Amino acid sequence: MRSTIEQVPDEQSRTVMRIAAAFARDGKKPDSAVTLLTPIALTRANFDKTKRVGEM
């Protein structure tokens, strides 16, 4: 494998929980209807940035 894309599922979960909690607690709607996170292209040079290295 030369590279893969890390879609940071843990950050996706944290983000949606923060948005949902703010809405439930304060009625605050998200700033945008769509929230995008930046995926990371993993290669051998930056493989240490993955949080799911055990799955590889």
PDB file of N, CA and C in Angstrom:
ATOM      1  N   MET A   1       0.843  -1.164   0.000  1.00  0.00           N
ATOM      2  CA  MET A   1       0.000   0.000   0.000  1.00  0.00           C
ATOM      3  C   MET A   1       0.901   1.244   0.000  1.00  0.00           C
ATOM      4  N   ARG A   2       0.653   2.137  -0.919  1.00  0.00           N
ATOM      5  CA  ARG A   2       1.447   3.363  -0.999  1.00  0.00           C
ATOM      6  C   ARG A   2       0.850   4.495  -0.188  1.00  0.00           C
ATOM      7  N   SER A   3      -0.470   4.536  -0.134  1.00  0.00           N
ATOM      8  CA  SER A   3      -1.127   5.579   0.663  1.00  0.00           C
ATOM      9  C   SER A   3      -2.568   5.175   0.939  1.00  0.00           C
ATOM     10  N   THR A   4      -3.183   5.886   1.866  1.00  0.00           N
ATOM     11  CA  THR A   4      -4.590   5.710   2.188  1.00  0.00           C
ATOM     12  C   THR A   4      -5.109   7.040   2.712  1.00  0.00           C
ATOM     13  N   ILE A   5      -6.381   7.138   2.862  1.00  0.00           N
ATOM     14  CA  ILE A   5      -6.975   8.369   3.375  1.00  0.00           C
ATOM     15  C   ILE A   5      -7.487   8.116   4.791  1.00  0.00           C
ATOM     16  N   GLU A   6      -7.051   8.931   5.709  1.00  0.00           N
ATOM     17  CA  GLU A   6      -7.532   8.880   7.097  1.00  0.00           C
ATOM     18  C   GLU A   6      -8.696   9.853   7.189  1.00  0.00           C
ATOM     19  N   GLN A   7      -9.895   9.336   7.437  1.00  0.00           N
ATOM     20  CA  GLN A   7     -11.087  10.176   7.471  1.00  0.00           C
ATOM     21  C   GLN A   7     -11.442  10.630   8.881  1.00  0.00           C
ATOM     22  N   VAL A   8     -10.588  10.390   9.812  1.00  0.00           N
ATOM     23  CA  VAL A   8     -10.709  10.796  11.218  1.00  0.00           C
ATOM     24  C   VAL A   8     -12.112  10.583  11.806  1.00  0.00           C
ATOM     25  N   PRO A   9     -12.561   9.326  11.894  1.00  0.00           N
ATOM     26  CA  PRO A   9     -13.913   9.062  12.397  1.00  0.00           C
ATOM     27  C   PRO A   9     -14.105   9.514  13.847  1.00  0.00           C
ATOM     28  N   ASP A  10     -13.060   9.491  14.651  1.00  0.00           N
ATOM     29  CA  ASP A  10     -13.205   9.953  16.029  1.00  0.00           C
ATOM     30  C   ASP A  10     -13.501  11.449  16.076  1.00  0.00           C
ATOM     31  N   GLU A  11     -12.885  12.208  15.194  1.00  0.00           N
ATOM     32  CA  GLU A  11     -13.163  13.647  15.126  1.00  0.00           C
ATOM     33  C   GLU A  11     -14.564  13.900  14.571  1.00  0.00           C
ATOM     34  N   GLN A  12     -15.018  13.067  13.650  1.00  0.00           N
ATOM     35  CA  GLN A  12     -16.386  13.185  13.133  1.00  0.00           C
ATOM     36  C   GLN A  12     -17.379  13.004  14.278  1.00  0.00           C
ATOM     37  N   SER A  13     -17.141  12.000  15.100  1.00  0.00           N
ATOM     38  CA  SER A  13     -18.037  11.718  16.231  1.00  0.00           C
ATOM     39  C   SER A  13     -18.042  12.863  17.235  1.00  0.00           C
ATOM     40  N   ARG A  14     -16.846  13.356  17.580  1.00  0.00           N
ATOM     41  CA  ARG A  14     -16.760  14.466  18.530  1.00  0.00           C
ATOM     42  C   ARG A  14     -17.475  15.711  18.001  1.00  0.00           C
ATOM     43  N   THR A  15     -17.284  15.989  16.728  1.00  0.00           N
ATOM     44  CA  THR A  15     -17.889  17.182  16.133  1.00  0.00           C
ATOM     45  C   THR A  15     -19.404  17.104  16.157  1.00  0.00           C
ATOM     46  N   VAL A  16     -19.964  15.970  15.752  1.00  0.00           N
ATOM     47  CA  VAL A  16     -21.428  15.852  15.728  1.00  0.00           C
ATOM     48  C   VAL A  16     -21.995  15.886  17.150  1.00  0.00           C
ATOM     49  N   MET A  17     -21.286  15.339  18.122  1.00  0.00           N
ATOM     50  CA  MET A  17     -21.767  15.381  19.497  1.00  0.00           C
ATOM     51  C   MET A  17     -21.736  16.808  20.050  1.00  0.00           C
ATOM     52  N   ARG A  18     -20.710  17.575  19.706  1.00  0.00           N
ATOM     53  CA  ARG A  18     -20.651  18.977  20.138  1.00  0.00           C
ATOM     54  C   ARG A  18     -21.817  19.771  19.541  1.00  0.00           C
ATOM     55  N   ILE A  19     -22.073  19.557  18.255  1.00  0.00           N
ATOM     56  CA  ILE A  19     -23.164  20.270  17.578  1.00  0.00           C
ATOM     57  C   ILE A  19     -24.510  19.880  18.189  1.00  0.00           C
ATOM     58  N   ALA A  20     -24.722  18.583  18.394  1.00  0.00           N
ATOM     59  CA  ALA A  20     -25.992  18.110  18.953  1.00  0.00           C
ATOM     60  C   ALA A  20     -26.181  18.596  20.392  1.00  0.00           C
ATOM     61  N   ALA A  21     -25.119  18.580  21.178  1.00  0.00           N
ATOM     62  CA  ALA A  21     -25.221  19.036  22.568  1.00  0.00           C
ATOM     63  C   ALA A  21     -25.534  20.528  22.636  1.00  0.00           C
ATOM     64  N   ALA A  22     -24.892  21.326  21.787  1.00  0.00           N
ATOM     65  CA  ALA A  22     -25.161  22.769  21.772  1.00  0.00           C
ATOM     66  C   ALA A  22     -26.607  23.046  21.375  1.00  0.00           C
ATOM     67  N   PHE A  23     -27.128  22.258  20.452  1.00  0.00           N
ATOM     68  CA  PHE A  23     -28.518  22.440  20.034  1.00  0.00           C
ATOM     69  C   PHE A  23     -29.477  22.024  21.147  1.00  0.00           C
ATOM     70  N   ALA A  24     -29.199  20.887  21.785  1.00  0.00           N
ATOM     71  CA  ALA A  24     -30.076  20.389  22.853  1.00  0.00           C
ATOM     72  C   ALA A  24     -30.022  21.295  24.084  1.00  0.00           C
ATOM     73  N   ARG A  25     -28.839  21.776  24.409  1.00  0.00           N
ATOM     74  CA  ARG A  25     -28.658  22.573  25.613  1.00  0.00           C
ATOM     75  C   ARG A  25     -29.132  24.022  25.430  1.00  0.00           C
ATOM     76  N   ASP A  26     -28.736  24.642  24.320  1.00  0.00           N
ATOM     77  CA  ASP A  26     -28.958  26.077  24.145  1.00  0.00           C
ATOM     78  C   ASP A  26     -29.847  26.432  22.950  1.00  0.00           C
ATOM     79  N   GLY A  27     -30.256  25.433  22.161  1.00  0.00           N
ATOM     80  CA  GLY A  27     -31.021  25.714  20.960  1.00  0.00           C
ATOM     81  C   GLY A  27     -30.174  26.336  19.854  1.00  0.00           C
ATOM     82  N   LYS A  28     -28.848  26.258  20.006  1.00  0.00           N
ATOM     83  CA  LYS A  28     -27.931  26.856  19.024  1.00  0.00           C
ATOM     84  C   LYS A  28     -27.833  25.964  17.796  1.00  0.00           C
ATOM     85  N   LYS A  29     -28.165  26.537  16.663  1.00  0.00           N
ATOM     86  CA  LYS A  29     -28.048  25.799  15.408  1.00  0.00           C
ATOM     87  C   LYS A  29     -26.598  25.883  14.929  1.00  0.00           C
ATOM     88  N   PRO A  30     -26.153  24.885  14.178  1.00  0.00           N
ATOM     89  CA  PRO A  30     -24.786  24.928  13.653  1.00  0.00           C
ATOM     90  C   PRO A  30     -24.582  26.126  12.729  1.00  0.00           C
ATOM     91  N   ASP A  31     -23.361  26.591  12.650  1.00  0.00           N
ATOM     92  CA  ASP A  31     -23.040  27.728  11.784  1.00  0.00           C
ATOM     93  C   ASP A  31     -23.327  27.425  10.319  1.00  0.00           C
ATOM     94  N   SER A  32     -23.223  26.162   9.956  1.00  0.00           N
ATOM     95  CA  SER A  32     -23.415  25.751   8.572  1.00  0.00           C
ATOM     96  C   SER A  32     -24.221  24.458   8.552  1.00  0.00           C
ATOM     97  N   ALA A  33     -24.971  24.252   7.485  1.00  0.00           N
ATOM     98  CA  ALA A  33     -25.739  23.013   7.348  1.00  0.00           C
ATOM     99  C   ALA A  33     -24.826  21.824   7.101  1.00  0.00           C
ATOM    100  N   VAL A  34     -23.633  22.081   6.596  1.00  0.00           N
ATOM    101  CA  VAL A  34     -22.664  21.034   6.306  1.00  0.00           C
ATOM    102  C   VAL A  34     -21.351  21.377   7.014  1.00  0.00           C
ATOM    103  N   THR A  35     -20.822  20.421   7.752  1.00  0.00           N
ATOM    104  CA  THR A  35     -19.534  20.602   8.410  1.00  0.00           C
ATOM    105  C   THR A  35     -18.552  19.622   7.798  1.00  0.00           C
ATOM    106  N   LEU A  36     -17.503  20.135   7.219  1.00  0.00           N
ATOM    107  CA  LEU A  36     -16.504  19.291   6.572  1.00  0.00           C
ATOM    108  C   LEU A  36     -15.228  19.241   7.404  1.00  0.00           C
ATOM    109  N   LEU A  37     -14.683  18.064   7.530  1.00  0.00           N
ATOM    110  CA  LEU A  37     -13.385  17.887   8.168  1.00  0.00           C
ATOM    111  C   LEU A  37     -12.371  17.572   7.079  1.00  0.00           C
ATOM    112  N   THR A  38     -11.158  17.974   7.286  1.00  0.00           N
ATOM    113  CA  THR A  38     -10.119  17.730   6.295  1.00  0.00           C
ATOM    114  C   THR A  38      -9.525  16.342   6.494  1.00  0.00           C
ATOM    115  N   PRO A  39      -9.672  15.453   5.516  1.00  0.00           N
ATOM    116  CA  PRO A  39      -9.054  14.137   5.634  1.00  0.00           C
ATOM    117  C   PRO A  39      -7.533  14.256   5.470  1.00  0.00           C
ATOM    118  N   ILE A  40      -6.838  13.246   5.923  1.00  0.00           N
ATOM    119  CA  ILE A  40      -5.378  13.234   5.836  1.00  0.00           C
ATOM    120  C   ILE A  40      -4.965  12.116   4.885  1.00  0.00           C
ATOM    121  N   ALA A  41      -4.169  12.447   3.884  1.00  0.00           N
ATOM    122  CA  ALA A  41      -3.598  11.429   2.998  1.00  0.00           C
ATOM    123  C   ALA A  41      -2.386  10.845   3.711  1.00  0.00           C
ATOM    124  N   LEU A  42      -2.485   9.588   4.084  1.00  0.00           N
ATOM    125  CA  LEU A  42      -1.400   8.938   4.819  1.00  0.00           C
ATOM    126  C   LEU A  42      -0.454   8.223   3.873  1.00  0.00           C
ATOM    127  N   THR A  43       0.813   8.449   4.086  1.00  0.00           N
ATOM    128  CA  THR A  43       1.865   7.754   3.360  1.00  0.00           C
ATOM    129  C   THR A  43       2.852   7.229   4.393  1.00  0.00           C
ATOM    130  N   ARG A  44       3.894   6.593   3.955  1.00  0.00           N
ATOM    131  CA  ARG A  44       4.907   6.130   4.898  1.00  0.00           C
ATOM    132  C   ARG A  44       5.550   7.296   5.651  1.00  0.00           C
ATOM    133  N   ALA A  45       5.614   8.444   4.999  1.00  0.00           N
ATOM    134  CA  ALA A  45       6.272   9.603   5.607  1.00  0.00           C
ATOM    135  C   ALA A  45       5.488  10.184   6.786  1.00  0.00           C
ATOM    136  N   ASN A  46       4.165  10.039   6.784  1.00  0.00           N
ATOM    137  CA  ASN A  46       3.371  10.624   7.871  1.00  0.00           C
ATOM    138  C   ASN A  46       2.422   9.608   8.516  1.00  0.00           C
ATOM    139  N   PHE A  47       2.757   8.350   8.422  1.00  0.00           N
ATOM    140  CA  PHE A  47       1.911   7.277   8.939  1.00  0.00           C
ATOM    141  C   PHE A  47       1.642   7.425  10.435  1.00  0.00           C
ATOM    142  N   ASP A  48       2.538   8.090  11.137  1.00  0.00           N
ATOM    143  CA  ASP A  48       2.377   8.263  12.580  1.00  0.00           C
ATOM    144  C   ASP A  48       1.190   9.170  12.936  1.00  0.00           C
ATOM    145  N   LYS A  49       0.600   9.863  11.959  1.00  0.00           N
ATOM    146  CA  LYS A  49      -0.526  10.754  12.226  1.00  0.00           C
ATOM    147  C   LYS A  49      -1.848  10.022  12.364  1.00  0.00           C
ATOM    148  N   THR A  50      -1.903   8.758  11.979  1.00  0.00           N
ATOM    149  CA  THR A  50      -3.148   8.014  12.099  1.00  0.00           C
ATOM    150  C   THR A  50      -3.397   7.620  13.544  1.00  0.00           C
ATOM    151  N   LYS A  51      -4.645   7.615  13.930  1.00  0.00           N
ATOM    152  CA  LYS A  51      -5.016   7.197  15.273  1.00  0.00           C
ATOM    153  C   LYS A  51      -5.437   5.734  15.271  1.00  0.00           C
ATOM    154  N   ARG A  52      -5.613   5.173  14.073  1.00  0.00           N
ATOM    155  CA  ARG A  52      -6.097   3.800  13.965  1.00  0.00           C
ATOM    156  C   ARG A  52      -5.006   2.882  13.412  1.00  0.00           C
ATOM    157  N   VAL A  53      -3.783   3.089  13.799  1.00  0.00           N
ATOM    158  CA  VAL A  53      -2.672   2.323  13.247  1.00  0.00           C
ATOM    159  C   VAL A  53      -2.848   0.824  13.502  1.00  0.00           C
ATOM    160  N   GLY A  54      -3.540   0.456  14.543  1.00  0.00           N
ATOM    161  CA  GLY A  54      -3.778  -0.942  14.855  1.00  0.00           C
ATOM    162  C   GLY A  54      -4.640  -1.646  13.826  1.00  0.00           C
ATOM    163  N   GLU A  55      -5.380  -0.898  13.040  1.00  0.00           N
ATOM    164  CA  GLU A  55      -6.251  -1.487  12.018  1.00  0.00           C
ATOM    165  C   GLU A  55      -5.506  -1.723  10.711  1.00  0.00           C
ATOM    166  N   MET A  56      -4.331  -1.193  10.588  1.00  0.00           N
ATOM    167  CA  MET A  56      -3.576  -1.315   9.339  1.00  0.00           C
ATOM    168  C   MET A  56      -2.772  -2.588   9.316  1.00  0.00           C
TER     169      MET A  56
END
